Amino acid sequence: MTKRDAYVAKMKLQLDELNAKISELEAKAQDAKADARAKYKEEMTKLRHQSKLAVAKLDELKAAGEDTWETMVGEMEKVRDAFIHSFNYFKSQL
């Protein structure tokens, strides 16, 4: 496995794990009171959007040529870090 393949696999695993945790939080948020549930739903929508952005960036990374791949790694990590930060913030609000 090349360094690139290993990196892509690692990013995919991290995104998959975050998405699974989001689903768990979503179920937990359903148990909240009605007023809090609306706020949680709004935040979940934002998290799902960030997830889609991260997956799209990962797809770009997979398709990138060798000449641009290294540059895109930094972009991918920024998107992933923003997603993780948002997830952790939401989780702390529950």
N, C-alpha and C. Protein backbone atom coordinates (compact mmCIF):
# COMPACT_ATOMS: atom_id res chain seq x y z
N MET A 1 0.85 -1.17 0.00
CA MET A 1 0.00 0.00 0.00
C MET A 1 0.90 1.23 0.00
N THR A 2 0.59 2.15 -0.90
CA THR A 2 1.39 3.36 -0.98
C THR A 2 1.03 4.31 0.16
N LYS A 3 1.88 5.29 0.34
CA LYS A 3 1.64 6.31 1.37
C LYS A 3 0.30 7.00 1.12
N ARG A 4 0.04 7.27 -0.14
CA ARG A 4 -1.22 7.92 -0.54
C ARG A 4 -2.41 7.04 -0.20
N ASP A 5 -2.36 5.78 -0.56
CA ASP A 5 -3.46 4.86 -0.27
C ASP A 5 -3.70 4.73 1.23
N ALA A 6 -2.63 4.67 1.99
CA ALA A 6 -2.75 4.57 3.45
C ALA A 6 -3.40 5.82 4.02
N TYR A 7 -3.02 6.98 3.50
CA TYR A 7 -3.59 8.24 3.99
C TYR A 7 -5.09 8.30 3.67
N VAL A 8 -5.45 7.96 2.44
CA VAL A 8 -6.85 7.99 2.03
C VAL A 8 -7.66 7.02 2.90
N ALA A 9 -7.13 5.84 3.14
CA ALA A 9 -7.83 4.86 3.98
C ALA A 9 -8.00 5.38 5.41
N LYS A 10 -6.97 6.03 5.93
CA LYS A 10 -7.03 6.59 7.29
C LYS A 10 -8.09 7.68 7.38
N MET A 11 -8.13 8.57 6.39
CA MET A 11 -9.12 9.65 6.38
C MET A 11 -10.52 9.09 6.26
N LYS A 12 -10.70 8.10 5.40
CA LYS A 12 -12.02 7.49 5.22
C LYS A 12 -12.48 6.86 6.53
N LEU A 13 -11.60 6.16 7.21
CA LEU A 13 -11.94 5.54 8.49
C LEU A 13 -12.34 6.60 9.51
N GLN A 14 -11.58 7.69 9.60
CA GLN A 14 -11.91 8.75 10.55
C GLN A 14 -13.27 9.37 10.24
N LEU A 15 -13.55 9.62 8.96
CA LEU A 15 -14.84 10.19 8.59
C LEU A 15 -15.98 9.22 8.87
N ASP A 16 -15.77 7.94 8.58
CA ASP A 16 -16.79 6.93 8.86
C ASP A 16 -17.08 6.85 10.36
N GLU A 17 -16.03 6.91 11.18
CA GLU A 17 -16.22 6.86 12.63
C GLU A 17 -16.99 8.08 13.12
N LEU A 18 -16.65 9.25 12.60
CA LEU A 18 -17.37 10.47 13.00
C LEU A 18 -18.84 10.40 12.59
N ASN A 19 -19.10 9.90 11.39
CA ASN A 19 -20.48 9.79 10.94
C ASN A 19 -21.27 8.80 11.81
N ALA A 20 -20.64 7.74 12.24
CA ALA A 20 -21.30 6.78 13.14
C ALA A 20 -21.61 7.45 14.48
N LYS A 21 -20.67 8.23 14.98
CA LYS A 21 -20.89 8.94 16.24
C LYS A 21 -22.00 9.98 16.10
N ILE A 22 -22.08 10.62 14.94
CA ILE A 22 -23.15 11.58 14.70
C ILE A 22 -24.50 10.87 14.77
N SER A 23 -24.58 9.71 14.18
CA SER A 23 -25.83 8.95 14.22
C SER A 23 -26.21 8.60 15.66
N GLU A 24 -25.22 8.25 16.47
CA GLU A 24 -25.48 7.96 17.89
C GLU A 24 -26.00 9.21 18.60
N LEU A 25 -25.37 10.35 18.34
CA LEU A 25 -25.81 11.60 18.96
C LEU A 25 -27.20 12.00 18.49
N GLU A 26 -27.47 11.72 17.24
CA GLU A 26 -28.78 12.04 16.69
C GLU A 26 -29.86 11.26 17.44
N ALA A 27 -29.60 10.01 17.71
CA ALA A 27 -30.55 9.20 18.48
C ALA A 27 -30.70 9.74 19.89
N LYS A 28 -29.61 10.15 20.49
CA LYS A 28 -29.63 10.71 21.83
C LYS A 28 -30.42 12.03 21.86
N ALA A 29 -30.26 12.82 20.83
CA ALA A 29 -30.94 14.11 20.75
C ALA A 29 -32.45 13.93 20.64
N GLN A 30 -32.89 12.82 20.10
CA GLN A 30 -34.33 12.56 19.98
C GLN A 30 -34.99 12.44 21.36
N ASP A 31 -34.21 12.08 22.37
CA ASP A 31 -34.74 11.96 23.72
C ASP A 31 -34.84 13.29 24.44
N ALA A 32 -34.32 14.34 23.84
CA ALA A 32 -34.31 15.66 24.47
C ALA A 32 -35.72 16.26 24.46
N LYS A 33 -35.89 17.28 25.26
CA LYS A 33 -37.17 17.99 25.29
C LYS A 33 -37.40 18.66 23.93
N ALA A 34 -38.64 18.97 23.64
CA ALA A 34 -39.03 19.49 22.32
C ALA A 34 -38.26 20.74 21.92
N ASP A 35 -38.09 21.69 22.84
CA ASP A 35 -37.39 22.92 22.48
C ASP A 35 -35.92 22.67 22.19
N ALA A 36 -35.31 21.79 22.96
CA ALA A 36 -33.91 21.45 22.73
C ALA A 36 -33.76 20.61 21.46
N ARG A 37 -34.74 19.80 21.19
CA ARG A 37 -34.69 18.93 20.01
C ARG A 37 -34.58 19.75 18.72
N ALA A 38 -35.29 20.87 18.66
CA ALA A 38 -35.22 21.73 17.47
C ALA A 38 -33.81 22.28 17.28
N LYS A 39 -33.19 22.70 18.36
CA LYS A 39 -31.82 23.21 18.30
C LYS A 39 -30.85 22.10 17.87
N TYR A 40 -31.03 20.91 18.45
CA TYR A 40 -30.18 19.78 18.09
C TYR A 40 -30.34 19.41 16.62
N LYS A 41 -31.58 19.47 16.14
CA LYS A 41 -31.82 19.13 14.73
C LYS A 41 -31.07 20.11 13.82
N GLU A 42 -31.10 21.38 14.18
CA GLU A 42 -30.39 22.40 13.40
C GLU A 42 -28.88 22.12 13.40
N GLU A 43 -28.35 21.79 14.56
CA GLU A 43 -26.92 21.49 14.67
C GLU A 43 -26.57 20.21 13.91
N MET A 44 -27.45 19.23 13.95
CA MET A 44 -27.20 17.97 13.23
C MET A 44 -27.16 18.24 11.73
N THR A 45 -28.01 19.14 11.26
CA THR A 45 -28.01 19.49 9.84
C THR A 45 -26.66 20.10 9.45
N LYS A 46 -26.14 20.96 10.32
CA LYS A 46 -24.83 21.56 10.06
C LYS A 46 -23.73 20.50 10.05
N LEU A 47 -23.79 19.56 11.00
CA LEU A 47 -22.79 18.49 11.04
C LEU A 47 -22.86 17.61 9.80
N ARG A 48 -24.06 17.27 9.38
CA ARG A 48 -24.22 16.45 8.17
C ARG A 48 -23.66 17.18 6.95
N HIS A 49 -23.85 18.50 6.90
CA HIS A 49 -23.30 19.29 5.79
C HIS A 49 -21.77 19.24 5.82
N GLN A 50 -21.19 19.41 7.00
CA GLN A 50 -19.73 19.34 7.11
C GLN A 50 -19.23 17.95 6.73
N SER A 51 -19.99 16.94 7.07
CA SER A 51 -19.62 15.58 6.70
C SER A 51 -19.57 15.44 5.18
N LYS A 52 -20.58 15.99 4.51
CA LYS A 52 -20.61 15.93 3.05
C LYS A 52 -19.43 16.67 2.44
N LEU A 53 -19.07 17.82 3.03
CA LEU A 53 -17.91 18.56 2.54
C LEU A 53 -16.63 17.75 2.70
N ALA A 54 -16.50 17.08 3.84
CA ALA A 54 -15.31 16.28 4.10
C ALA A 54 -15.23 15.10 3.14
N VAL A 55 -16.35 14.45 2.90
CA VAL A 55 -16.36 13.31 1.96
C VAL A 55 -16.04 13.80 0.55
N ALA A 56 -16.58 14.95 0.18
CA ALA A 56 -16.28 15.50 -1.15
C ALA A 56 -14.80 15.83 -1.28
N LYS A 57 -14.22 16.39 -0.22
CA LYS A 57 -12.79 16.72 -0.25
C LYS A 57 -11.96 15.43 -0.35
N LEU A 58 -12.40 14.39 0.34
CA LEU A 58 -11.71 13.10 0.25
C LEU A 58 -11.79 12.55 -1.17
N ASP A 59 -12.94 12.69 -1.81
CA ASP A 59 -13.08 12.25 -3.20
C ASP A 59 -12.15 13.04 -4.12
N GLU A 60 -12.03 14.35 -3.87
CA GLU A 60 -11.08 15.17 -4.65
C GLU A 60 -9.65 14.67 -4.44
N LEU A 61 -9.34 14.35 -3.20
CA LEU A 61 -8.01 13.87 -2.86
C LEU A 61 -7.71 12.56 -3.58
N LYS A 62 -8.69 11.67 -3.62
CA LYS A 62 -8.51 10.39 -4.31
C LYS A 62 -8.25 10.60 -5.80
N ALA A 63 -8.93 11.58 -6.38
CA ALA A 63 -8.83 11.82 -7.82
C ALA A 63 -7.65 12.69 -8.20
N ALA A 64 -7.01 13.30 -7.22
CA ALA A 64 -5.91 14.23 -7.50
C ALA A 64 -4.72 13.50 -8.12
N GLY A 65 -4.05 14.21 -8.99
CA GLY A 65 -2.84 13.67 -9.59
C GLY A 65 -1.70 13.73 -8.59
N GLU A 66 -0.64 13.03 -8.90
CA GLU A 66 0.52 13.00 -8.00
C GLU A 66 1.09 14.40 -7.75
N ASP A 67 0.98 15.28 -8.73
CA ASP A 67 1.55 16.62 -8.59
C ASP A 67 0.76 17.51 -7.63
N THR A 68 -0.52 17.25 -7.46
CA THR A 68 -1.34 18.09 -6.57
C THR A 68 -1.72 17.39 -5.27
N TRP A 69 -1.47 16.11 -5.18
CA TRP A 69 -1.90 15.33 -4.03
C TRP A 69 -1.35 15.87 -2.72
N GLU A 70 -0.06 16.15 -2.68
CA GLU A 70 0.56 16.62 -1.43
C GLU A 70 -0.07 17.93 -0.94
N THR A 71 -0.39 18.82 -1.86
CA THR A 71 -1.02 20.09 -1.51
C THR A 71 -2.41 19.85 -0.93
N MET A 72 -3.12 18.91 -1.49
CA MET A 72 -4.49 18.64 -1.06
C MET A 72 -4.57 17.99 0.32
N VAL A 73 -3.49 17.36 0.75
CA VAL A 73 -3.47 16.75 2.08
C VAL A 73 -3.74 17.81 3.15
N GLY A 74 -3.11 18.95 3.03
CA GLY A 74 -3.32 20.04 3.98
C GLY A 74 -4.77 20.52 3.98
N GLU A 75 -5.35 20.65 2.80
CA GLU A 75 -6.75 21.06 2.69
C GLU A 75 -7.67 20.02 3.32
N MET A 76 -7.37 18.75 3.08
CA MET A 76 -8.19 17.67 3.64
C MET A 76 -8.14 17.71 5.17
N GLU A 77 -6.97 17.94 5.70
CA GLU A 77 -6.83 17.96 7.16
C GLU A 77 -7.55 19.15 7.77
N LYS A 78 -7.58 20.28 7.09
CA LYS A 78 -8.32 21.44 7.58
C LYS A 78 -9.82 21.14 7.63
N VAL A 79 -10.34 20.52 6.57
CA VAL A 79 -11.76 20.18 6.51
C VAL A 79 -12.09 19.16 7.60
N ARG A 80 -11.23 18.15 7.75
CA ARG A 80 -11.45 17.14 8.78
C ARG A 80 -11.41 17.76 10.17
N ASP A 81 -10.42 18.61 10.42
CA ASP A 81 -10.29 19.24 11.74
C ASP A 81 -11.51 20.11 12.07
N ALA A 82 -12.02 20.84 11.08
CA ALA A 82 -13.22 21.66 11.30
C ALA A 82 -14.41 20.77 11.63
N PHE A 83 -14.52 19.66 10.94
CA PHE A 83 -15.60 18.70 11.18
C PHE A 83 -15.50 18.13 12.60
N ILE A 84 -14.31 17.74 12.99
CA ILE A 84 -14.09 17.19 14.34
C ILE A 84 -14.40 18.24 15.40
N HIS A 85 -13.96 19.46 15.18
CA HIS A 85 -14.22 20.54 16.13
C HIS A 85 -15.73 20.76 16.29
N SER A 86 -16.45 20.82 15.19
CA SER A 86 -17.90 21.02 15.24
C SER A 86 -18.58 19.86 15.95
N PHE A 87 -18.14 18.65 15.65
CA PHE A 87 -18.71 17.48 16.30
C PHE A 87 -18.49 17.54 17.82
N ASN A 88 -17.26 17.83 18.22
CA ASN A 88 -16.95 17.88 19.65
C ASN A 88 -17.73 18.99 20.35
N TYR A 89 -17.92 20.12 19.68
CA TYR A 89 -18.70 21.21 20.27
C TYR A 89 -20.14 20.76 20.47
N PHE A 90 -20.72 20.17 19.44
CA PHE A 90 -22.11 19.70 19.54
C PHE A 90 -22.25 18.66 20.65
N LYS A 91 -21.31 17.73 20.68
CA LYS A 91 -21.34 16.68 21.70
C LYS A 91 -21.29 17.27 23.11
N SER A 92 -20.52 18.33 23.27
CA SER A 92 -20.41 18.96 24.60
C SER A 92 -21.70 19.67 25.00
N GLN A 93 -22.55 19.98 24.02
CA GLN A 93 -23.80 20.68 24.32
C GLN A 93 -24.91 19.72 24.74
N LEU A 94 -24.73 18.45 24.53
CA LEU A 94 -25.76 17.47 24.91
C LEU A 94 -25.75 17.19 26.39
